[in-house]
């Protein structure tokens, strides 16, 4: 039986997805963590809807592209709505969600925490070892 801690990174920036995956691989943690990525909310929804693939921890970018009425828009509301959907679902709310965003506005941070985010990390403020330590601390109480 696989006892790895499952982490899902939801971010439309390919470099961020590669960076995260490589941090854990380079530091020899791929035997402890099963890391998956989704470049949009639709793919993330497919992953979390399958109980076998459901992550213990999700790192969620707020600013994600969303298609509505044949138009694609990008705003923090997409991530916040997804967070709200997860935390209002009796099965999905067990997923620890950490917002990982370039937005540093206190109002957004407050809103994310009110919606159920465990924490809020600002992109660009984290060194690789700090990210690993943060993930280890967050997943310790799974």
Protein backbone atom coordinates (compact mmCIF):
# COMPACT_ATOMS: atom_id res chain seq x y z
CA UNK A 1 0.00 0.00 0.00
CA UNK A 2 1.27 3.41 -0.95
CA UNK A 3 1.56 5.65 2.08
CA UNK A 4 2.83 8.77 0.36
CA UNK A 5 1.37 12.15 1.23
CA UNK A 6 -0.47 13.43 -1.82
CA UNK A 7 0.09 17.03 -2.86
CA UNK A 8 -1.71 18.79 -5.69
CA UNK A 9 -0.43 22.08 -7.10
CA UNK A 10 -3.05 24.03 -9.05
CA UNK A 11 -1.32 26.75 -11.04
CA UNK A 12 -1.55 27.88 -14.66
CA UNK A 13 2.16 28.87 -14.72
CA UNK A 14 4.16 25.95 -16.12
CA UNK A 15 7.42 27.17 -14.58
CA UNK A 16 5.86 27.15 -11.09
CA UNK A 17 4.59 23.59 -11.67
CA UNK A 18 8.04 22.41 -12.81
CA UNK A 19 9.76 24.28 -9.96
CA UNK A 20 7.60 22.66 -7.29
CA UNK A 21 7.92 19.16 -8.69
CA UNK A 22 11.68 19.52 -8.97
CA UNK A 23 12.13 20.89 -5.44
CA UNK A 24 10.78 17.67 -3.94
CA UNK A 25 12.62 15.43 -6.41
CA UNK A 26 15.99 17.23 -5.98
CA UNK A 27 15.75 16.95 -2.19
CA UNK A 28 14.98 13.23 -2.34
CA UNK A 29 11.43 13.57 -1.08
CA UNK A 30 9.69 11.84 -3.98
CA UNK A 31 9.56 8.68 -1.84
CA UNK A 32 7.54 10.57 0.82
CA UNK A 33 5.30 12.73 -1.37
CA UNK A 34 3.20 11.96 -4.41
CA UNK A 35 3.13 15.21 -6.31
CA UNK A 36 0.59 16.03 -9.01
CA UNK A 37 -0.18 19.23 -10.87
CA UNK A 38 -3.16 20.78 -12.59
CA UNK A 39 -2.89 23.79 -14.87
CA UNK A 40 -6.52 24.78 -14.42
CA UNK A 41 -9.45 24.38 -12.09
CA UNK A 42 -11.25 21.89 -14.35
CA UNK A 43 -8.30 19.46 -14.19
CA UNK A 44 -7.99 19.99 -10.44
CA UNK A 45 -11.69 19.15 -10.03
CA UNK A 46 -11.19 15.87 -11.89
CA UNK A 47 -8.26 14.94 -9.65
CA UNK A 48 -9.99 15.74 -6.36
CA UNK A 49 -13.27 14.09 -7.38
CA UNK A 50 -11.53 10.69 -7.47
CA UNK A 51 -11.06 9.50 -3.86
CA UNK A 52 -7.98 7.46 -4.91
CA UNK A 53 -6.24 10.57 -6.27
CA UNK A 54 -7.56 13.09 -3.74
CA UNK A 55 -4.67 15.04 -2.22
CA UNK A 56 -3.93 15.56 1.46
CA UNK A 57 -2.67 19.04 0.63
CA UNK A 58 -3.53 21.38 -2.23
CA UNK A 59 -1.46 24.42 -3.12
CA UNK A 60 -3.86 26.69 -4.96
CA UNK A 61 -3.04 29.72 -7.08
CA UNK A 62 -5.90 32.20 -6.94
CA UNK A 63 -5.51 33.81 -10.34
CA UNK A 64 -6.62 31.13 -12.75
CA UNK A 65 -8.17 31.36 -16.22
CA UNK A 66 -11.88 30.60 -16.32
CA UNK A 67 -14.00 30.24 -19.43
CA UNK A 68 -17.45 31.76 -19.22
CA UNK A 69 -19.76 32.67 -22.10
CA UNK A 70 -17.03 31.80 -24.63
CA UNK A 71 -14.63 34.25 -23.00
CA UNK A 72 -11.60 33.52 -20.86
CA UNK A 73 -11.06 35.76 -17.89
CA UNK A 74 -8.34 35.71 -15.28
CA UNK A 75 -8.96 36.92 -11.74
CA UNK A 76 -8.43 35.88 -8.12
CA UNK A 77 -12.16 35.16 -7.89
CA UNK A 78 -11.62 31.89 -9.77
CA UNK A 79 -9.38 30.48 -7.05
CA UNK A 80 -11.55 31.84 -4.25
CA UNK A 81 -14.66 30.24 -5.75
CA UNK A 82 -12.83 26.92 -6.08
CA UNK A 83 -11.67 27.16 -2.46
CA UNK A 84 -15.24 27.88 -1.35
CA UNK A 85 -16.52 24.89 -3.34
CA UNK A 86 -13.94 22.56 -1.76
CA UNK A 87 -14.54 23.72 1.81
CA UNK A 88 -18.33 23.50 1.49
CA UNK A 89 -18.23 19.86 0.31
CA UNK A 90 -18.37 17.28 3.12
CA UNK A 91 -15.84 14.97 1.42
CA UNK A 92 -13.50 17.55 -0.07
CA UNK A 93 -13.25 19.83 2.96
CA UNK A 94 -10.77 17.36 4.48
CA UNK A 95 -8.20 18.53 1.92
CA UNK A 96 -5.81 21.05 3.45
CA UNK A 97 -5.73 24.01 1.08
CA UNK A 98 -2.91 26.53 1.09
CA UNK A 99 -3.26 29.49 -1.22
CA UNK A 100 -0.04 30.09 -3.17
CA UNK A 101 -0.50 33.41 -4.93
CA UNK A 102 1.31 36.43 -6.27
CA UNK A 103 -1.38 38.61 -4.71
CA UNK A 104 -0.22 39.99 -1.38
CA UNK A 105 -3.25 42.13 -0.56
CA UNK A 106 -4.34 41.65 3.07
CA UNK A 107 -8.01 41.64 2.02
CA UNK A 108 -7.46 38.63 -0.28
CA UNK A 109 -5.48 36.82 2.42
CA UNK A 110 -8.26 37.43 4.92
CA UNK A 111 -10.93 36.29 2.48
CA UNK A 112 -9.02 33.08 1.66
CA UNK A 113 -8.62 32.22 5.34
CA UNK A 114 -12.30 32.97 6.01
CA UNK A 115 -13.21 30.55 3.21
CA UNK A 116 -11.15 27.82 4.89
CA UNK A 117 -7.58 28.08 3.57
CA UNK A 118 -5.09 26.70 6.08
CA UNK A 119 -2.55 29.31 5.10
CA UNK A 120 -1.58 31.86 2.45
CA UNK A 121 1.86 31.89 0.86
CA UNK A 122 2.98 34.72 -1.39
CA UNK A 123 4.86 33.62 -4.50
CA UNK A 124 8.43 34.80 -4.73
CA UNK A 125 8.90 35.05 -0.97
CA UNK A 126 9.87 31.42 -0.48
CA UNK A 127 13.19 29.64 -0.83
CA UNK A 128 13.07 25.93 -1.76
CA UNK A 129 13.93 24.69 1.74
CA UNK A 130 11.31 27.00 3.27
CA UNK A 131 8.69 25.52 0.95
CA UNK A 132 9.70 21.98 1.90
CA UNK A 133 9.64 22.82 5.61
CA UNK A 134 6.24 24.45 5.21
CA UNK A 135 4.80 21.43 3.40
CA UNK A 136 6.29 19.05 5.99
CA UNK A 137 4.79 21.08 8.85
CA UNK A 138 1.39 21.37 7.13
CA UNK A 139 1.12 17.67 6.29
CA UNK A 140 2.39 16.45 9.66
CA UNK A 141 -1.12 16.50 11.11
CA UNK A 142 -2.83 14.71 8.25
